[in-house]
All heavy atoms as atom14 arrays in JSON, in Angstrom:
{
  "sequence": "NFDHCSDLEELPGSICSLTSLERLSVTNCHLIQKLPDDLG",
  "atom14_mask": [
    [1, 1, 1, 1, 1, 1, 1, 1, 0, 0, 0, 0, 0, 0],
    [1, 1, 1, 1, 1, 1, 1, 1, 1, 1, 1, 0, 0, 0],
    [1, 1, 1, 1, 1, 1, 1, 1, 0, 0, 0, 0, 0, 0],
    [1, 1, 1, 1, 1, 1, 1, 1, 1, 1, 0, 0, 0, 0],
    [1, 1, 1, 1, 1, 1, 0, 0, 0, 0, 0, 0, 0, 0],
    [1, 1, 1, 1, 1, 1, 0, 0, 0, 0, 0, 0, 0, 0],
    [1, 1, 1, 1, 1, 1, 1, 1, 0, 0, 0, 0, 0, 0],
    [1, 1, 1, 1, 1, 1, 1, 1, 0, 0, 0, 0, 0, 0],
    [1, 1, 1, 1, 1, 1, 1, 1, 1, 0, 0, 0, 0, 0],
    [1, 1, 1, 1, 1, 1, 1, 1, 1, 0, 0, 0, 0, 0],
    [1, 1, 1, 1, 1, 1, 1, 1, 0, 0, 0, 0, 0, 0],
    [1, 1, 1, 1, 1, 1, 1, 0, 0, 0, 0, 0, 0, 0],
    [1, 1, 1, 1, 0, 0, 0, 0, 0, 0, 0, 0, 0, 0],
    [1, 1, 1, 1, 1, 1, 0, 0, 0, 0, 0, 0, 0, 0],
    [1, 1, 1, 1, 1, 1, 1, 1, 0, 0, 0, 0, 0, 0],
    [1, 1, 1, 1, 1, 1, 0, 0, 0, 0, 0, 0, 0, 0],
    [1, 1, 1, 1, 1, 1, 0, 0, 0, 0, 0, 0, 0, 0],
    [1, 1, 1, 1, 1, 1, 1, 1, 0, 0, 0, 0, 0, 0],
    [1, 1, 1, 1, 1, 1, 1, 0, 0, 0, 0, 0, 0, 0],
    [1, 1, 1, 1, 1, 1, 0, 0, 0, 0, 0, 0, 0, 0],
    [1, 1, 1, 1, 1, 1, 1, 1, 0, 0, 0, 0, 0, 0],
    [1, 1, 1, 1, 1, 1, 1, 1, 1, 0, 0, 0, 0, 0],
    [1, 1, 1, 1, 1, 1, 1, 1, 1, 1, 1, 0, 0, 0],
    [1, 1, 1, 1, 1, 1, 1, 1, 0, 0, 0, 0, 0, 0],
    [1, 1, 1, 1, 1, 1, 0, 0, 0, 0, 0, 0, 0, 0],
    [1, 1, 1, 1, 1, 1, 1, 0, 0, 0, 0, 0, 0, 0],
    [1, 1, 1, 1, 1, 1, 1, 0, 0, 0, 0, 0, 0, 0],
    [1, 1, 1, 1, 1, 1, 1, 1, 0, 0, 0, 0, 0, 0],
    [1, 1, 1, 1, 1, 1, 0, 0, 0, 0, 0, 0, 0, 0],
    [1, 1, 1, 1, 1, 1, 1, 1, 1, 1, 0, 0, 0, 0],
    [1, 1, 1, 1, 1, 1, 1, 1, 0, 0, 0, 0, 0, 0],
    [1, 1, 1, 1, 1, 1, 1, 1, 0, 0, 0, 0, 0, 0],
    [1, 1, 1, 1, 1, 1, 1, 1, 1, 0, 0, 0, 0, 0],
    [1, 1, 1, 1, 1, 1, 1, 1, 1, 0, 0, 0, 0, 0],
    [1, 1, 1, 1, 1, 1, 1, 1, 0, 0, 0, 0, 0, 0],
    [1, 1, 1, 1, 1, 1, 1, 0, 0, 0, 0, 0, 0, 0],
    [1, 1, 1, 1, 1, 1, 1, 1, 0, 0, 0, 0, 0, 0],
    [1, 1, 1, 1, 1, 1, 1, 1, 0, 0, 0, 0, 0, 0],
    [1, 1, 1, 1, 1, 1, 1, 1, 0, 0, 0, 0, 0, 0],
    [1, 1, 1, 1, 0, 0, 0, 0, 0, 0, 0, 0, 0, 0]
  ],
  "atom14_positions": [
    [[0.85, -1.19, 0.0], [0.0, 0.0, 0.0], [0.88, 1.24, 0.0], [1.76, 1.37, 0.85], [-0.89, 0.04, 1.26], [-1.85, -1.11, 1.31], [-2.57, -1.35, 0.36], [-1.84, -1.83, 2.41], [0.0, 0.0, 0.0], [0.0, 0.0, 0.0], [0.0, 0.0, 0.0], [0.0, 0.0, 0.0], [0.0, 0.0, 0.0], [0.0, 0.0, 0.0]],
    [[0.64, 2.13, -0.93], [1.25, 3.45, -0.95], [0.11, 4.43, -0.71], [-0.8, 4.53, -1.54], [1.88, 3.76, -2.31], [3.04, 2.88, -2.68], [2.84, 1.71, -3.39], [4.32, 3.23, -2.31], [3.89, 0.91, -3.75], [5.39, 2.42, -2.65], [5.18, 1.25, -3.37], [0.0, 0.0, 0.0], [0.0, 0.0, 0.0], [0.0, 0.0, 0.0]],
    [[0.12, 5.12, 0.42], [-0.97, 6.03, 0.73], [-0.39, 7.37, 1.19], [0.47, 7.41, 2.08], [-1.87, 5.43, 1.81], [-3.1, 6.26, 2.07], [-3.63, 6.86, 1.1], [-3.54, 6.34, 3.22], [0.0, 0.0, 0.0], [0.0, 0.0, 0.0], [0.0, 0.0, 0.0], [0.0, 0.0, 0.0], [0.0, 0.0, 0.0], [0.0, 0.0, 0.0]],
    [[-0.86, 8.44, 0.6], [-0.41, 9.79, 0.94], [1.11, 9.94, 0.83], [1.74, 10.54, 1.69], [-0.87, 10.19, 2.35], [-2.32, 10.5, 2.44], [-3.25, 9.54, 2.76], [-3.0, 11.65, 2.24], [-4.45, 10.09, 2.76], [-4.33, 11.36, 2.45], [0.0, 0.0, 0.0], [0.0, 0.0, 0.0], [0.0, 0.0, 0.0], [0.0, 0.0, 0.0]],
    [[1.69, 9.38, -0.22], [3.12, 9.57, -0.48], [3.24, 10.87, -1.27], [3.05, 10.88, -2.5], [3.7, 8.38, -1.21], [3.64, 6.86, -0.24], [0.0, 0.0, 0.0], [0.0, 0.0, 0.0], [0.0, 0.0, 0.0], [0.0, 0.0, 0.0], [0.0, 0.0, 0.0], [0.0, 0.0, 0.0], [0.0, 0.0, 0.0], [0.0, 0.0, 0.0]],
    [[3.53, 11.94, -0.6], [3.36, 13.28, -1.14], [4.26, 13.63, -2.33], [3.93, 14.53, -3.09], [3.56, 14.32, -0.04], [4.86, 14.22, 0.5], [0.0, 0.0, 0.0], [0.0, 0.0, 0.0], [0.0, 0.0, 0.0], [0.0, 0.0, 0.0], [0.0, 0.0, 0.0], [0.0, 0.0, 0.0], [0.0, 0.0, 0.0], [0.0, 0.0, 0.0]],
    [[5.4, 12.96, -2.5], [6.26, 13.33, -3.62], [6.5, 12.18, -4.6], [7.35, 12.26, -5.46], [7.6, 13.87, -3.12], [8.42, 12.84, -2.37], [7.86, 11.79, -1.99], [9.62, 13.09, -2.14], [0.0, 0.0, 0.0], [0.0, 0.0, 0.0], [0.0, 0.0, 0.0], [0.0, 0.0, 0.0], [0.0, 0.0, 0.0], [0.0, 0.0, 0.0]],
    [[5.71, 11.14, -4.51], [5.83, 10.0, -5.42], [5.22, 10.36, -6.77], [4.02, 10.58, -6.87], [5.14, 8.77, -4.82], [5.28, 7.46, -5.59], [6.74, 7.02, -5.63], [4.42, 6.39, -4.95], [0.0, 0.0, 0.0], [0.0, 0.0, 0.0], [0.0, 0.0, 0.0], [0.0, 0.0, 0.0], [0.0, 0.0, 0.0], [0.0, 0.0, 0.0]],
    [[6.06, 10.45, -7.8], [5.59, 10.82, -9.13], [5.43, 9.62, -10.05], [4.69, 9.69, -11.03], [6.57, 11.81, -9.77], [6.59, 13.15, -9.07], [7.57, 14.11, -9.7], [7.99, 13.9, -10.85], [7.9, 15.1, -9.03], [0.0, 0.0, 0.0], [0.0, 0.0, 0.0], [0.0, 0.0, 0.0], [0.0, 0.0, 0.0], [0.0, 0.0, 0.0]],
    [[6.16, 8.55, -9.76], [6.1, 7.37, -10.61], [6.34, 6.14, -9.76], [7.26, 6.1, -8.95], [7.16, 7.48, -11.71], [7.1, 6.4, -12.73], [8.07, 6.64, -13.88], [8.41, 7.8, -14.17], [8.5, 5.64, -14.47], [0.0, 0.0, 0.0], [0.0, 0.0, 0.0], [0.0, 0.0, 0.0], [0.0, 0.0, 0.0], [0.0, 0.0, 0.0]],
    [[5.51, 5.15, -9.93], [5.69, 3.89, -9.23], [6.91, 3.2, -9.84], [7.02, 3.1, -11.05], [4.45, 3.03, -9.41], [4.15, 1.97, -8.38], [4.02, 2.59, -7.0], [2.89, 1.23, -8.73], [0.0, 0.0, 0.0], [0.0, 0.0, 0.0], [0.0, 0.0, 0.0], [0.0, 0.0, 0.0], [0.0, 0.0, 0.0], [0.0, 0.0, 0.0]],
    [[7.85, 2.74, -9.02], [9.07, 2.14, -9.58], [8.76, 0.85, -10.34], [7.95, 0.03, -9.91], [9.92, 1.85, -8.34], [9.0, 1.89, -7.19], [7.84, 2.75, -7.56], [0.0, 0.0, 0.0], [0.0, 0.0, 0.0], [0.0, 0.0, 0.0], [0.0, 0.0, 0.0], [0.0, 0.0, 0.0], [0.0, 0.0, 0.0], [0.0, 0.0, 0.0]],
    [[9.41, 0.69, -11.49], [9.21, -0.49, -12.32], [9.61, -1.78, -11.63], [9.1, -2.86, -11.95], [0.0, 0.0, 0.0], [0.0, 0.0, 0.0], [0.0, 0.0, 0.0], [0.0, 0.0, 0.0], [0.0, 0.0, 0.0], [0.0, 0.0, 0.0], [0.0, 0.0, 0.0], [0.0, 0.0, 0.0], [0.0, 0.0, 0.0], [0.0, 0.0, 0.0]],
    [[10.5, -1.69, -10.66], [10.96, -2.9, -9.96], [9.83, -3.59, -9.2], [9.91, -4.78, -8.91], [12.11, -2.56, -9.01], [11.7, -1.59, -8.06], [0.0, 0.0, 0.0], [0.0, 0.0, 0.0], [0.0, 0.0, 0.0], [0.0, 0.0, 0.0], [0.0, 0.0, 0.0], [0.0, 0.0, 0.0], [0.0, 0.0, 0.0], [0.0, 0.0, 0.0]],
    [[8.77, -2.87, -8.94], [7.63, -3.48, -8.24], [7.02, -4.61, -9.07], [6.43, -5.54, -8.53], [6.58, -2.4, -7.86], [5.76, -2.88, -6.68], [5.7, -2.05, -9.03], [4.99, -1.77, -6.02], [0.0, 0.0, 0.0], [0.0, 0.0, 0.0], [0.0, 0.0, 0.0], [0.0, 0.0, 0.0], [0.0, 0.0, 0.0], [0.0, 0.0, 0.0]],
    [[7.21, -4.57, -10.37], [6.66, -5.59, -11.26], [7.36, -6.93, -11.11], [6.9, -7.94, -11.65], [6.71, -5.11, -12.7], [5.72, -3.63, -12.97], [0.0, 0.0, 0.0], [0.0, 0.0, 0.0], [0.0, 0.0, 0.0], [0.0, 0.0, 0.0], [0.0, 0.0, 0.0], [0.0, 0.0, 0.0], [0.0, 0.0, 0.0], [0.0, 0.0, 0.0]],
    [[8.47, -6.96, -10.4], [9.17, -8.22, -10.12], [8.53, -8.98, -8.97], [8.88, -10.13, -8.73], [10.64, -7.94, -9.79], [11.28, -7.33, -10.88], [0.0, 0.0, 0.0], [0.0, 0.0, 0.0], [0.0, 0.0, 0.0], [0.0, 0.0, 0.0], [0.0, 0.0, 0.0], [0.0, 0.0, 0.0], [0.0, 0.0, 0.0], [0.0, 0.0, 0.0]],
    [[7.62, -8.35, -8.27], [6.95, -8.99, -7.13], [5.73, -9.76, -7.64], [4.59, -9.39, -7.4], [6.53, -7.94, -6.1], [7.67, -7.14, -5.48], [7.14, -5.98, -4.67], [8.54, -8.05, -4.62], [0.0, 0.0, 0.0], [0.0, 0.0, 0.0], [0.0, 0.0, 0.0], [0.0, 0.0, 0.0], [0.0, 0.0, 0.0], [0.0, 0.0, 0.0]],
    [[5.98, -10.84, -8.33], [4.91, -11.56, -9.02], [3.93, -12.25, -8.08], [2.88, -12.72, -8.53], [5.49, -12.58, -10.01], [6.36, -13.46, -9.3], [6.26, -11.86, -11.12], [0.0, 0.0, 0.0], [0.0, 0.0, 0.0], [0.0, 0.0, 0.0], [0.0, 0.0, 0.0], [0.0, 0.0, 0.0], [0.0, 0.0, 0.0], [0.0, 0.0, 0.0]],
    [[4.23, -12.31, -6.79], [3.29, -12.91, -5.84], [2.26, -11.89, -5.33], [1.32, -12.26, -4.63], [4.04, -13.51, -4.66], [4.76, -12.5, -3.97], [0.0, 0.0, 0.0], [0.0, 0.0, 0.0], [0.0, 0.0, 0.0], [0.0, 0.0, 0.0], [0.0, 0.0, 0.0], [0.0, 0.0, 0.0], [0.0, 0.0, 0.0], [0.0, 0.0, 0.0]],
    [[2.43, -10.61, -5.67], [1.51, -9.57, -5.19], [0.07, -9.89, -5.61], [-0.21, -10.15, -6.77], [1.87, -8.21, -5.77], [2.79, -7.31, -4.99], [2.9, -5.96, -5.67], [2.42, -7.16, -3.56], [0.0, 0.0, 0.0], [0.0, 0.0, 0.0], [0.0, 0.0, 0.0], [0.0, 0.0, 0.0], [0.0, 0.0, 0.0], [0.0, 0.0, 0.0]],
    [[-0.83, -9.82, -4.64], [-2.26, -10.0, -4.91], [-3.02, -8.69, -4.78], [-4.07, -8.53, -5.38], [-2.85, -11.03, -3.95], [-2.3, -12.42, -4.16], [-2.88, -13.43, -3.19], [-3.85, -13.12, -2.46], [-2.35, -14.56, -3.16], [0.0, 0.0, 0.0], [0.0, 0.0, 0.0], [0.0, 0.0, 0.0], [0.0, 0.0, 0.0], [0.0, 0.0, 0.0]],
    [[-2.49, -7.76, -3.98], [-3.16, -6.48, -3.74], [-2.13, -5.34, -3.8], [-1.14, -5.36, -3.08], [-3.85, -6.49, -2.38], [-4.99, -7.5, -2.3], [-5.6, -7.6, -0.92], [-4.69, -8.06, 0.13], [-4.36, -9.33, 0.36], [-4.85, -10.28, -0.4], [-3.53, -9.66, 1.34], [0.0, 0.0, 0.0], [0.0, 0.0, 0.0], [0.0, 0.0, 0.0]],
    [[-2.43, -4.38, -4.66], [-1.58, -3.21, -4.79], [-2.48, -1.99, -4.7], [-3.42, -1.84, -5.49], [-0.83, -3.22, -6.12], [0.0, -1.98, -6.46], [1.09, -1.73, -5.42], [0.59, -2.11, -7.85], [0.0, 0.0, 0.0], [0.0, 0.0, 0.0], [0.0, 0.0, 0.0], [0.0, 0.0, 0.0], [0.0, 0.0, 0.0], [0.0, 0.0, 0.0]],
    [[-2.2, -1.14, -3.71], [-2.97, 0.09, -3.54], [-2.04, 1.29, -3.62], [-1.05, 1.35, -2.91], [-3.67, 0.1, -2.17], [-4.66, -0.89, -2.11], [0.0, 0.0, 0.0], [0.0, 0.0, 0.0], [0.0, 0.0, 0.0], [0.0, 0.0, 0.0], [0.0, 0.0, 0.0], [0.0, 0.0, 0.0], [0.0, 0.0, 0.0], [0.0, 0.0, 0.0]],
    [[-2.39, 2.21, -4.49], [-1.69, 3.48, -4.61], [-2.79, 4.52, -4.47], [-3.55, 4.77, -5.41], [-0.97, 3.6, -5.97], [-0.22, 4.91, -6.06], [-0.03, 2.42, -6.2], [0.0, 0.0, 0.0], [0.0, 0.0, 0.0], [0.0, 0.0, 0.0], [0.0, 0.0, 0.0], [0.0, 0.0, 0.0], [0.0, 0.0, 0.0], [0.0, 0.0, 0.0]],
    [[-2.91, 5.1, -3.26], [-4.02, 6.0, -2.99], [-3.52, 7.33, -2.45], [-2.53, 7.38, -1.73], [-5.0, 5.36, -1.98], [-4.29, 5.0, -0.81], [-5.65, 4.13, -2.57], [0.0, 0.0, 0.0], [0.0, 0.0, 0.0], [0.0, 0.0, 0.0], [0.0, 0.0, 0.0], [0.0, 0.0, 0.0], [0.0, 0.0, 0.0], [0.0, 0.0, 0.0]],
    [[-4.21, 8.37, -2.81], [-3.89, 9.72, -2.33], [-2.45, 10.11, -2.63], [-1.81, 10.79, -1.84], [-4.18, 9.82, -0.83], [-5.62, 9.58, -0.51], [-6.49, 10.34, -0.94], [-5.9, 8.5, 0.19], [0.0, 0.0, 0.0], [0.0, 0.0, 0.0], [0.0, 0.0, 0.0], [0.0, 0.0, 0.0], [0.0, 0.0, 0.0], [0.0, 0.0, 0.0]],
    [[-1.95, 9.69, -3.76], [-0.61, 10.07, -4.22], [-0.84, 11.06, -5.36], [-0.94, 10.69, -6.53], [0.18, 8.84, -4.67], [0.53, 7.68, -3.33], [0.0, 0.0, 0.0], [0.0, 0.0, 0.0], [0.0, 0.0, 0.0], [0.0, 0.0, 0.0], [0.0, 0.0, 0.0], [0.0, 0.0, 0.0], [0.0, 0.0, 0.0], [0.0, 0.0, 0.0]],
    [[-0.93, 12.31, -5.01], [-1.4, 13.34, -5.93], [-0.45, 13.66, -7.07], [-0.87, 14.22, -8.07], [-1.74, 14.61, -5.14], [-2.88, 14.4, -4.2], [-4.14, 14.88, -4.45], [-2.97, 13.71, -3.04], [-4.95, 14.51, -3.47], [-4.26, 13.79, -2.6], [0.0, 0.0, 0.0], [0.0, 0.0, 0.0], [0.0, 0.0, 0.0], [0.0, 0.0, 0.0]],
    [[0.82, 13.31, -6.95], [1.77, 13.63, -8.01], [2.04, 12.47, -8.96], [2.66, 12.67, -9.99], [3.11, 14.08, -7.4], [3.07, 15.37, -6.57], [4.46, 15.69, -6.04], [2.53, 16.52, -7.4], [0.0, 0.0, 0.0], [0.0, 0.0, 0.0], [0.0, 0.0, 0.0], [0.0, 0.0, 0.0], [0.0, 0.0, 0.0], [0.0, 0.0, 0.0]],
    [[1.57, 11.29, -8.62], [1.89, 10.14, -9.48], [1.23, 10.33, -10.84], [0.05, 10.62, -10.94], [1.51, 8.8, -8.82], [2.22, 7.67, -9.54], [0.01, 8.57, -8.8], [2.36, 6.42, -8.7], [0.0, 0.0, 0.0], [0.0, 0.0, 0.0], [0.0, 0.0, 0.0], [0.0, 0.0, 0.0], [0.0, 0.0, 0.0], [0.0, 0.0, 0.0]],
    [[2.05, 10.22, -11.88], [1.59, 10.45, -13.23], [1.6, 9.19, -14.07], [0.91, 9.11, -15.08], [2.47, 11.49, -13.92], [2.45, 12.82, -13.22], [3.43, 13.8, -13.84], [3.85, 13.65, -14.98], [3.81, 14.81, -13.08], [0.0, 0.0, 0.0], [0.0, 0.0, 0.0], [0.0, 0.0, 0.0], [0.0, 0.0, 0.0], [0.0, 0.0, 0.0]],
    [[2.39, 8.22, -13.66], [2.64, 7.07, -14.53], [2.76, 5.81, -13.71], [3.28, 5.82, -12.61], [3.94, 7.33, -15.3], [4.29, 6.33, -16.35], [5.56, 6.79, -17.05], [6.02, 5.98, -18.2], [5.81, 4.61, -18.29], [0.0, 0.0, 0.0], [0.0, 0.0, 0.0], [0.0, 0.0, 0.0], [0.0, 0.0, 0.0], [0.0, 0.0, 0.0]],
    [[2.28, 4.72, -14.28], [2.46, 3.39, -13.72], [3.48, 2.66, -14.58], [3.65, 2.98, -15.75], [1.13, 2.63, -13.72], [0.02, 3.23, -12.89], [-1.28, 2.47, -13.1], [0.4, 3.24, -11.42], [0.0, 0.0, 0.0], [0.0, 0.0, 0.0], [0.0, 0.0, 0.0], [0.0, 0.0, 0.0], [0.0, 0.0, 0.0], [0.0, 0.0, 0.0]],
    [[4.15, 1.67, -14.02], [5.14, 0.94, -14.82], [4.51, 0.28, -16.05], [3.4, -0.26, -15.98], [5.69, -0.12, -13.86], [5.31, 0.33, -12.5], [4.09, 1.16, -12.64], [0.0, 0.0, 0.0], [0.0, 0.0, 0.0], [0.0, 0.0, 0.0], [0.0, 0.0, 0.0], [0.0, 0.0, 0.0], [0.0, 0.0, 0.0], [0.0, 0.0, 0.0]],
    [[5.22, 0.31, -17.17], [4.73, -0.31, -18.39], [4.54, -1.81, -18.22], [3.69, -2.41, -18.86], [5.69, -0.05, -19.56], [5.67, 1.42, -19.97], [4.64, 2.09, -19.77], [6.7, 1.89, -20.49], [0.0, 0.0, 0.0], [0.0, 0.0, 0.0], [0.0, 0.0, 0.0], [0.0, 0.0, 0.0], [0.0, 0.0, 0.0], [0.0, 0.0, 0.0]],
    [[5.34, -2.43, -17.35], [5.3, -3.87, -17.14], [4.32, -4.3, -16.06], [4.41, -5.41, -15.54], [6.69, -4.39, -16.76], [7.64, -4.4, -17.93], [7.15, -4.34, -19.07], [8.85, -4.5, -17.7], [0.0, 0.0, 0.0], [0.0, 0.0, 0.0], [0.0, 0.0, 0.0], [0.0, 0.0, 0.0], [0.0, 0.0, 0.0], [0.0, 0.0, 0.0]],
    [[3.36, -3.48, -15.71], [2.42, -3.8, -14.65], [1.73, -5.15, -14.87], [1.41, -5.86, -13.93], [1.38, -2.69, -14.52], [0.58, -2.67, -13.24], [1.47, -2.32, -12.06], [-0.56, -1.69, -13.33], [0.0, 0.0, 0.0], [0.0, 0.0, 0.0], [0.0, 0.0, 0.0], [0.0, 0.0, 0.0], [0.0, 0.0, 0.0], [0.0, 0.0, 0.0]],
    [[1.57, -5.53, -16.11], [0.94, -6.8, -16.45], [1.71, -8.03, -16.0], [1.19, -9.14, -16.02], [0.0, 0.0, 0.0], [0.0, 0.0, 0.0], [0.0, 0.0, 0.0], [0.0, 0.0, 0.0], [0.0, 0.0, 0.0], [0.0, 0.0, 0.0], [0.0, 0.0, 0.0], [0.0, 0.0, 0.0], [0.0, 0.0, 0.0], [0.0, 0.0, 0.0]]
  ]
}
C-alpha cells in the first residue's frame, strides 16, 4: 500500500518483479503520473 506519499511521481518499475503480489494500492498520491509499463 502506498498512501499519501506526497512526492511520489512514478511507481518504480521494480515493483513488477513482485509476481506474488495480490493487492496493490496506490491512494492519495497526488503527483503520481505514470504506472510501470510492465504492470501486467
